[in-house]
């Protein structure tokens, strides 16, 4: 399970960096590597999206446990 959390977090970071490049420079790194609209590029996009959805689980768990609470005791 820890491997899956790390893998999905890495994919979310890759997706975020790719979106940053798209926003700043209009450059889609995934499309540049795999070809725009290619099956491989679409697979990467789907994996990044699924990874983001998966990362909701640890986020909601952290929120529920109060792990993200701010305050002077942190």
N, C-alpha and C. Protein backbone atom coordinates (compact mmCIF):
# COMPACT_ATOMS: atom_id res chain seq x y z
N UNK A 1 0.83 -1.19 0.00
CA UNK A 1 0.00 0.00 0.00
C UNK A 1 0.87 1.26 0.00
N UNK A 2 1.98 1.22 0.73
CA UNK A 2 2.87 2.38 0.77
C UNK A 2 3.44 2.66 -0.62
N UNK A 3 3.78 1.57 -1.35
CA UNK A 3 4.29 1.73 -2.71
C UNK A 3 3.28 2.46 -3.59
N UNK A 4 2.01 2.08 -3.47
CA UNK A 4 0.96 2.71 -4.28
C UNK A 4 0.82 4.19 -3.93
N UNK A 5 0.90 4.52 -2.65
CA UNK A 5 0.82 5.93 -2.25
C UNK A 5 1.97 6.74 -2.84
N UNK A 6 3.17 6.18 -2.80
CA UNK A 6 4.34 6.88 -3.33
C UNK A 6 4.24 7.01 -4.84
N UNK A 7 3.86 5.92 -5.52
CA UNK A 7 3.74 5.95 -6.97
C UNK A 7 2.70 6.98 -7.42
N UNK A 8 1.55 6.98 -6.77
CA UNK A 8 0.51 7.94 -7.16
C UNK A 8 0.93 9.37 -6.84
N UNK A 9 1.64 9.56 -5.75
CA UNK A 9 2.13 10.91 -5.43
C UNK A 9 3.13 11.39 -6.49
N UNK A 10 4.00 10.50 -6.92
CA UNK A 10 4.96 10.86 -7.98
C UNK A 10 4.22 11.23 -9.26
N UNK A 11 3.22 10.45 -9.62
CA UNK A 11 2.46 10.75 -10.84
C UNK A 11 1.70 12.06 -10.73
N UNK A 12 1.18 12.37 -9.55
CA UNK A 12 0.49 13.65 -9.35
C UNK A 12 1.49 14.80 -9.49
N UNK A 13 2.68 14.62 -8.96
CA UNK A 13 3.72 15.66 -9.09
C UNK A 13 4.10 15.84 -10.56
N UNK A 14 4.29 14.74 -11.28
CA UNK A 14 4.60 14.83 -12.71
C UNK A 14 3.50 15.58 -13.45
N UNK A 15 2.24 15.24 -13.14
CA UNK A 15 1.12 15.92 -13.78
C UNK A 15 1.09 17.41 -13.44
N UNK A 16 1.35 17.73 -12.19
CA UNK A 16 1.37 19.13 -11.78
C UNK A 16 2.47 19.92 -12.47
N UNK A 17 3.64 19.31 -12.57
CA UNK A 17 4.75 19.98 -13.27
C UNK A 17 4.43 20.15 -14.76
N UNK A 18 3.81 19.14 -15.34
CA UNK A 18 3.42 19.24 -16.75
C UNK A 18 2.43 20.38 -16.95
N UNK A 19 1.42 20.49 -16.05
CA UNK A 19 0.45 21.58 -16.16
C UNK A 19 1.13 22.93 -15.95
N UNK A 20 2.12 22.97 -15.08
CA UNK A 20 2.88 24.21 -14.89
C UNK A 20 3.58 24.64 -16.18
N UNK A 21 4.18 23.66 -16.87
CA UNK A 21 4.83 23.96 -18.15
C UNK A 21 3.82 24.42 -19.19
N UNK A 22 2.65 23.79 -19.20
CA UNK A 22 1.60 24.19 -20.15
C UNK A 22 1.16 25.62 -19.85
N UNK A 23 0.95 25.92 -18.57
CA UNK A 23 0.48 27.25 -18.20
C UNK A 23 1.51 28.34 -18.44
N UNK A 24 2.76 28.05 -18.13
CA UNK A 24 3.80 29.08 -18.25
C UNK A 24 4.31 29.26 -19.68
N UNK A 25 4.49 28.14 -20.36
CA UNK A 25 5.17 28.20 -21.65
C UNK A 25 4.38 27.61 -22.81
N UNK A 26 3.19 27.08 -22.53
CA UNK A 26 2.42 26.44 -23.59
C UNK A 26 3.09 25.17 -24.09
N UNK A 27 3.89 24.54 -23.24
CA UNK A 27 4.65 23.34 -23.62
C UNK A 27 4.15 22.14 -22.84
N UNK A 28 3.64 21.15 -23.56
CA UNK A 28 3.14 19.92 -22.95
C UNK A 28 4.24 18.86 -23.06
N UNK A 29 4.93 18.61 -21.96
CA UNK A 29 6.06 17.68 -21.96
C UNK A 29 5.63 16.26 -22.28
N UNK A 30 4.50 15.83 -21.74
CA UNK A 30 4.00 14.48 -22.01
C UNK A 30 3.75 14.30 -23.50
N UNK A 31 3.11 15.28 -24.12
CA UNK A 31 2.85 15.21 -25.56
C UNK A 31 4.15 15.27 -26.35
N UNK A 32 5.11 16.04 -25.86
CA UNK A 32 6.40 16.13 -26.56
C UNK A 32 7.15 14.80 -26.51
N UNK A 33 7.03 14.08 -25.40
CA UNK A 33 7.73 12.81 -25.27
C UNK A 33 7.02 11.70 -26.03
N UNK A 34 5.71 11.60 -25.87
CA UNK A 34 4.97 10.46 -26.42
C UNK A 34 4.21 10.78 -27.70
N UNK A 35 4.13 12.04 -28.07
CA UNK A 35 3.38 12.43 -29.26
C UNK A 35 2.01 12.94 -28.87
N UNK A 36 1.62 14.09 -29.42
CA UNK A 36 0.33 14.67 -29.07
C UNK A 36 -0.82 13.75 -29.50
N UNK A 37 -1.70 13.44 -28.56
CA UNK A 37 -2.85 12.60 -28.84
C UNK A 37 -2.53 11.13 -28.99
N UNK A 38 -1.28 10.72 -28.73
CA UNK A 38 -0.92 9.32 -28.88
C UNK A 38 -1.54 8.48 -27.76
N UNK A 39 -1.59 7.20 -27.98
CA UNK A 39 -2.14 6.29 -26.98
C UNK A 39 -1.31 6.36 -25.70
N UNK A 40 0.00 6.42 -25.82
CA UNK A 40 0.86 6.49 -24.62
C UNK A 40 0.63 7.78 -23.84
N UNK A 41 0.49 8.90 -24.53
CA UNK A 41 0.23 10.17 -23.84
C UNK A 41 -1.11 10.09 -23.12
N UNK A 42 -2.11 9.52 -23.76
CA UNK A 42 -3.42 9.40 -23.12
C UNK A 42 -3.35 8.49 -21.90
N UNK A 43 -2.56 7.43 -21.98
CA UNK A 43 -2.39 6.54 -20.83
C UNK A 43 -1.75 7.29 -19.67
N UNK A 44 -0.74 8.10 -19.96
CA UNK A 44 -0.09 8.89 -18.90
C UNK A 44 -1.11 9.84 -18.28
N UNK A 45 -1.90 10.51 -19.10
CA UNK A 45 -2.90 11.44 -18.57
C UNK A 45 -3.92 10.72 -17.69
N UNK A 46 -4.35 9.55 -18.12
CA UNK A 46 -5.32 8.77 -17.33
C UNK A 46 -4.68 8.32 -16.02
N UNK A 47 -3.44 7.86 -16.06
CA UNK A 47 -2.75 7.44 -14.83
C UNK A 47 -2.58 8.60 -13.86
N UNK A 48 -2.27 9.77 -14.37
CA UNK A 48 -2.14 10.96 -13.51
C UNK A 48 -3.49 11.30 -12.88
N UNK A 49 -4.55 11.24 -13.68
CA UNK A 49 -5.89 11.52 -13.15
C UNK A 49 -6.31 10.50 -12.09
N UNK A 50 -6.07 9.23 -12.35
CA UNK A 50 -6.39 8.19 -11.37
C UNK A 50 -5.56 8.36 -10.09
N UNK A 51 -4.31 8.77 -10.28
CA UNK A 51 -3.43 9.00 -9.12
C UNK A 51 -3.95 10.14 -8.26
N UNK A 52 -4.43 11.19 -8.91
CA UNK A 52 -5.00 12.32 -8.15
C UNK A 52 -6.22 11.86 -7.37
N UNK A 53 -7.06 11.05 -8.01
CA UNK A 53 -8.24 10.54 -7.32
C UNK A 53 -7.82 9.66 -6.14
N UNK A 54 -6.80 8.85 -6.32
CA UNK A 54 -6.32 7.97 -5.24
C UNK A 54 -5.77 8.78 -4.08
N UNK A 55 -5.12 9.90 -4.35
CA UNK A 55 -4.52 10.73 -3.30
C UNK A 55 -5.58 11.41 -2.44
N UNK A 56 -6.83 11.39 -2.87
CA UNK A 56 -7.91 11.92 -2.04
C UNK A 56 -8.06 11.08 -0.78
N UNK A 57 -7.78 9.78 -0.87
CA UNK A 57 -7.93 8.88 0.28
C UNK A 57 -7.01 9.28 1.43
N UNK A 58 -5.69 9.40 1.22
CA UNK A 58 -4.85 9.82 2.35
C UNK A 58 -5.15 11.25 2.81
N UNK A 59 -5.57 12.12 1.88
CA UNK A 59 -5.93 13.48 2.27
C UNK A 59 -7.13 13.48 3.20
N UNK A 60 -8.17 12.75 2.83
CA UNK A 60 -9.36 12.72 3.68
C UNK A 60 -9.06 12.05 5.01
N UNK A 61 -8.18 11.07 5.01
CA UNK A 61 -7.78 10.41 6.25
C UNK A 61 -7.03 11.39 7.15
N UNK A 62 -6.14 12.18 6.56
CA UNK A 62 -5.37 13.16 7.34
C UNK A 62 -6.28 14.24 7.90
N UNK A 63 -7.25 14.66 7.11
CA UNK A 63 -8.20 15.67 7.58
C UNK A 63 -9.04 15.11 8.71
N UNK A 64 -9.51 13.87 8.55
CA UNK A 64 -10.35 13.24 9.57
C UNK A 64 -9.63 13.01 10.88
N UNK A 65 -8.32 12.76 10.81
CA UNK A 65 -7.56 12.50 12.03
C UNK A 65 -7.06 13.78 12.68
N UNK A 66 -7.27 14.91 12.04
CA UNK A 66 -6.80 16.17 12.58
C UNK A 66 -5.33 16.42 12.31
N UNK A 67 -4.73 15.60 11.47
CA UNK A 67 -3.32 15.71 11.15
C UNK A 67 -2.97 17.02 10.46
N UNK A 68 -3.93 17.60 9.76
CA UNK A 68 -3.69 18.85 9.04
C UNK A 68 -4.09 20.09 9.84
N UNK A 69 -4.52 19.89 11.04
CA UNK A 69 -4.98 21.03 11.85
C UNK A 69 -3.80 21.95 12.17
N UNK A 70 -4.05 23.23 12.00
CA UNK A 70 -3.04 24.23 12.31
C UNK A 70 -3.25 24.73 13.73
N UNK A 71 -2.21 25.16 14.33
CA UNK A 71 -2.34 25.71 15.66
C UNK A 71 -1.00 25.82 16.34
N UNK A 72 -0.98 26.40 17.53
CA UNK A 72 0.29 26.62 18.22
C UNK A 72 0.95 25.33 18.70
N UNK A 73 0.20 24.24 18.79
CA UNK A 73 0.78 22.99 19.28
C UNK A 73 1.46 22.20 18.17
N UNK A 74 1.50 22.69 16.97
CA UNK A 74 2.09 21.95 15.84
C UNK A 74 3.55 22.10 15.82
